[in-house]
Amino acid sequence: MPGVRLFRKSDQDLVPGASGAAVQGLVNTSFSTRLGAGIGVFRDCEMEWTVTYDEVLFILEGEFRLKTRDGTFHAGPGDTLWIPEGTWLVYTATAPVTFFYAVAPVDRSPSTQIARAHPTAPPDP
């Protein structure tokens, strides 16, 4: 099992493409067997999905909407959403929103189930 990893913001490509989304599963199956996590940016997009994992979203910047069968949740900077496995939802961002997410188990999320190497920074000397 590898040790601590530091992912620098400057090493991440978080410019949304044609879909309006950029998501990087930084903590993925390349070194974690349980937890997945990453950073994402949504801009002018709407994505319907049923989550196959437990998910936590922490909104860093922007305004985010999460529509579920229970209603719509509006989240802004500093807000956290807990989304249990099996939840049908629609992620919506009408302007740029940056978020951190964590999922478990790691191998059920499209962004974390594939082993990918991302640049990491060494510890301070």
C-alpha atoms as a PDB file:
ATOM      1  CA  MET A   1       0.000   0.000   0.000  1.00  0.00           C
ATOM      2  CA  PRO A   2       1.546   3.336  -1.003  1.00  0.00           C
ATOM      3  CA  GLY A   3       1.951   6.205   1.403  1.00  0.00           C
ATOM      4  CA  VAL A   4       0.488   9.714   1.425  1.00  0.00           C
ATOM      5  CA  ARG A   5      -0.083  11.381  -1.954  1.00  0.00           C
ATOM      6  CA  LEU A   6      -0.295  15.108  -2.655  1.00  0.00           C
ATOM      7  CA  PHE A   7      -2.125  16.164  -5.810  1.00  0.00           C
ATOM      8  CA  ARG A   8      -1.244  19.733  -6.825  1.00  0.00           C
ATOM      9  CA  LYS A   9      -3.976  21.882  -8.325  1.00  0.00           C
ATOM     10  CA  SER A  10      -1.518  23.043 -10.981  1.00  0.00           C
ATOM     11  CA  ASP A  11      -1.204  19.440 -12.242  1.00  0.00           C
ATOM     12  CA  GLN A  12      -4.945  18.977 -12.811  1.00  0.00           C
ATOM     13  CA  ASP A  13      -6.780  19.656 -16.065  1.00  0.00           C
ATOM     14  CA  LEU A  14     -10.162  20.910 -14.911  1.00  0.00           C
ATOM     15  CA  VAL A  15     -11.344  22.733 -18.028  1.00  0.00           C
ATOM     16  CA  PRO A  16     -14.804  21.452 -18.965  1.00  0.00           C
ATOM     17  CA  GLY A  17     -15.130  20.035 -22.472  1.00  0.00           C
ATOM     18  CA  ALA A  18     -18.132  19.934 -24.770  1.00  0.00           C
ATOM     19  CA  SER A  19     -20.171  18.055 -22.149  1.00  0.00           C
ATOM     20  CA  GLY A  20     -19.716  20.925 -19.686  1.00  0.00           C
ATOM     21  CA  ALA A  21     -17.883  18.670 -17.230  1.00  0.00           C
ATOM     22  CA  ALA A  22     -14.328  17.918 -16.175  1.00  0.00           C
ATOM     23  CA  VAL A  23     -13.907  15.275 -13.475  1.00  0.00           C
ATOM     24  CA  GLN A  24     -10.679  13.750 -12.218  1.00  0.00           C
ATOM     25  CA  GLY A  25     -10.807  10.668 -10.025  1.00  0.00           C
ATOM     26  CA  LEU A  26      -7.521  11.318  -8.245  1.00  0.00           C
ATOM     27  CA  VAL A  27      -7.917   8.618  -5.591  1.00  0.00           C
ATOM     28  CA  ASN A  28      -8.764   5.581  -7.685  1.00  0.00           C
ATOM     29  CA  THR A  29      -8.210   1.834  -7.936  1.00  0.00           C
ATOM     30  CA  SER A  30      -4.543   2.331  -8.837  1.00  0.00           C
ATOM     31  CA  PHE A  31      -3.806   2.519  -5.091  1.00  0.00           C
ATOM     32  CA  SER A  32      -7.032   2.404  -3.070  1.00  0.00           C
ATOM     33  CA  THR A  33      -9.222  -0.636  -2.549  1.00  0.00           C
ATOM     34  CA  ARG A  34     -12.061   1.138  -0.713  1.00  0.00           C
ATOM     35  CA  LEU A  35     -12.329   4.901  -1.160  1.00  0.00           C
ATOM     36  CA  GLY A  36     -12.390   6.983  -4.323  1.00  0.00           C
ATOM     37  CA  ALA A  37     -12.140  10.774  -4.467  1.00  0.00           C
ATOM     38  CA  GLY A  38     -11.511  13.595  -6.858  1.00  0.00           C
ATOM     39  CA  ILE A  39     -12.198  17.093  -8.073  1.00  0.00           C
ATOM     40  CA  GLY A  40     -14.679  18.225 -10.664  1.00  0.00           C
ATOM     41  CA  VAL A  41     -15.880  21.295 -12.516  1.00  0.00           C
ATOM     42  CA  PHE A  42     -19.334  21.538 -14.078  1.00  0.00           C
ATOM     43  CA  ARG A  43     -20.327  24.431 -16.316  1.00  0.00           C
ATOM     44  CA  ASP A  44     -23.676  24.827 -18.047  1.00  0.00           C
ATOM     45  CA  CYS A  45     -24.502  21.153 -17.801  1.00  0.00           C
ATOM     46  CA  GLU A  46     -27.143  18.768 -16.568  1.00  0.00           C
ATOM     47  CA  MET A  47     -26.447  15.075 -15.994  1.00  0.00           C
ATOM     48  CA  GLU A  48     -28.966  12.431 -14.993  1.00  0.00           C
ATOM     49  CA  TRP A  49     -27.584   9.451 -13.096  1.00  0.00           C
ATOM     50  CA  THR A  50     -28.366   6.793 -10.514  1.00  0.00           C
ATOM     51  CA  VAL A  51     -25.405   6.497  -8.170  1.00  0.00           C
ATOM     52  CA  THR A  52     -24.021   2.995  -7.673  1.00  0.00           C
ATOM     53  CA  TYR A  53     -21.970   4.048  -4.630  1.00  0.00           C
ATOM     54  CA  ASP A  54     -22.218   6.282  -1.580  1.00  0.00           C
ATOM     55  CA  GLU A  55     -21.076   9.811  -2.450  1.00  0.00           C
ATOM     56  CA  VAL A  56     -20.146  12.991  -0.617  1.00  0.00           C
ATOM     57  CA  LEU A  57     -19.928  16.269  -2.552  1.00  0.00           C
ATOM     58  CA  PHE A  58     -18.290  19.352  -1.045  1.00  0.00           C
ATOM     59  CA  ILE A  59     -18.913  22.517  -3.042  1.00  0.00           C
ATOM     60  CA  LEU A  60     -15.802  24.670  -3.302  1.00  0.00           C
ATOM     61  CA  GLU A  61     -17.016  27.400  -5.681  1.00  0.00           C
ATOM     62  CA  GLY A  62     -20.214  28.250  -7.501  1.00  0.00           C
ATOM     63  CA  GLU A  63     -23.832  27.234  -7.142  1.00  0.00           C
ATOM     64  CA  PHE A  64     -24.885  23.617  -7.614  1.00  0.00           C
ATOM     65  CA  ARG A  65     -28.298  21.943  -7.872  1.00  0.00           C
ATOM     66  CA  LEU A  66     -29.011  18.318  -7.116  1.00  0.00           C
ATOM     67  CA  LYS A  67     -32.460  17.074  -8.114  1.00  0.00           C
ATOM     68  CA  THR A  68     -33.641  13.813  -6.531  1.00  0.00           C
ATOM     69  CA  ARG A  69     -37.000  12.117  -6.088  1.00  0.00           C
ATOM     70  CA  ASP A  70     -37.157  13.898  -2.702  1.00  0.00           C
ATOM     71  CA  GLY A  71     -36.818  17.357  -4.286  1.00  0.00           C
ATOM     72  CA  THR A  72     -34.089  19.766  -5.366  1.00  0.00           C
ATOM     73  CA  PHE A  73     -31.147  20.702  -3.157  1.00  0.00           C
ATOM     74  CA  HIS A  74     -29.275  23.965  -3.775  1.00  0.00           C
ATOM     75  CA  ALA A  75     -25.676  23.954  -2.551  1.00  0.00           C
ATOM     76  CA  GLY A  76     -23.052  26.696  -2.559  1.00  0.00           C
ATOM     77  CA  PRO A  77     -19.482  27.185  -1.365  1.00  0.00           C
ATOM     78  CA  GLY A  78     -18.848  25.318   1.880  1.00  0.00           C
ATOM     79  CA  ASP A  79     -21.962  23.136   1.581  1.00  0.00           C
ATOM     80  CA  THR A  80     -21.767  19.337   1.667  1.00  0.00           C
ATOM     81  CA  LEU A  81     -24.173  16.828   0.119  1.00  0.00           C
ATOM     82  CA  TRP A  82     -24.456  13.178   1.214  1.00  0.00           C
ATOM     83  CA  ILE A  83     -25.904  10.946  -1.526  1.00  0.00           C
ATOM     84  CA  PRO A  84     -26.633   7.306  -0.641  1.00  0.00           C
ATOM     85  CA  GLU A  85     -26.119   4.452  -3.088  1.00  0.00           C
ATOM     86  CA  GLY A  86     -29.077   3.876  -5.403  1.00  0.00           C
ATOM     87  CA  THR A  87     -30.210   7.519  -5.488  1.00  0.00           C
ATOM     88  CA  TRP A  88     -31.612   8.705  -8.815  1.00  0.00           C
ATOM     89  CA  LEU A  89     -30.491  12.280  -9.431  1.00  0.00           C
ATOM     90  CA  VAL A  90     -29.748  15.087 -11.829  1.00  0.00           C
ATOM     91  CA  TYR A  91     -26.578  17.139 -11.289  1.00  0.00           C
ATOM     92  CA  THR A  92     -27.090  20.707 -12.583  1.00  0.00           C
ATOM     93  CA  ALA A  93     -24.762  23.671 -12.919  1.00  0.00           C
ATOM     94  CA  THR A  94     -25.834  26.768 -14.835  1.00  0.00           C
ATOM     95  CA  ALA A  95     -22.518  28.511 -14.152  1.00  0.00           C
ATOM     96  CA  PRO A  96     -19.075  27.119 -13.221  1.00  0.00           C
ATOM     97  CA  VAL A  97     -19.098  25.048 -10.034  1.00  0.00           C
ATOM     98  CA  THR A  98     -16.020  23.376  -8.551  1.00  0.00           C
ATOM     99  CA  PHE A  99     -16.437  20.493  -6.115  1.00  0.00           C
ATOM    100  CA  PHE A 100     -14.570  17.790  -4.225  1.00  0.00           C
ATOM    101  CA  TYR A 101     -16.150  14.350  -4.086  1.00  0.00           C
ATOM    102  CA  ALA A 102     -15.558  11.086  -2.282  1.00  0.00           C
ATOM    103  CA  VAL A 103     -17.150   7.747  -3.167  1.00  0.00           C
ATOM    104  CA  ALA A 104     -17.246   4.262  -1.679  1.00  0.00           C
ATOM    105  CA  PRO A 105     -16.700   1.677  -2.844  1.00  0.00           C
ATOM    106  CA  VAL A 106     -14.008   2.965  -5.189  1.00  0.00           C
ATOM    107  CA  ASP A 107     -14.687   0.408  -7.927  1.00  0.00           C
ATOM    108  CA  ARG A 108     -18.311   1.428  -8.583  1.00  0.00           C
ATOM    109  CA  SER A 109     -17.757   5.019  -9.718  1.00  0.00           C
ATOM    110  CA  PRO A 110     -16.904   5.641 -13.387  1.00  0.00           C
ATOM    111  CA  SER A 111     -14.296   8.248 -12.424  1.00  0.00           C
ATOM    112  CA  THR A 112     -12.471   6.152  -9.805  1.00  0.00           C
ATOM    113  CA  GLN A 113     -12.905   2.532 -10.913  1.00  0.00           C
ATOM    114  CA  ILE A 114     -10.211   2.777 -13.587  1.00  0.00           C
ATOM    115  CA  ALA A 115      -6.616   2.846 -12.377  1.00  0.00           C
ATOM    116  CA  ARG A 116      -5.085   6.113 -13.563  1.00  0.00           C
ATOM    117  CA  ALA A 117      -1.806   7.697 -12.606  1.00  0.00           C
ATOM    118  CA  HIS A 118      -2.016  11.406 -11.760  1.00  0.00           C
ATOM    119  CA  PRO A 119       1.051  13.493 -10.956  1.00  0.00           C
ATOM    120  CA  THR A 120       1.799  13.683  -7.258  1.00  0.00           C
ATOM    121  CA  ALA A 121       4.183  15.907  -5.312  1.00  0.00           C
ATOM    122  CA  PRO A 122       6.833  14.578  -2.944  1.00  0.00           C
ATOM    123  CA  PRO A 123       6.935  15.563   0.728  1.00  0.00           C
ATOM    124  CA  ASP A 124       8.944  18.626   1.738  1.00  0.00           C
ATOM    125  CA  PRO A 125      12.672  17.927   2.185  1.00  0.00           C
END
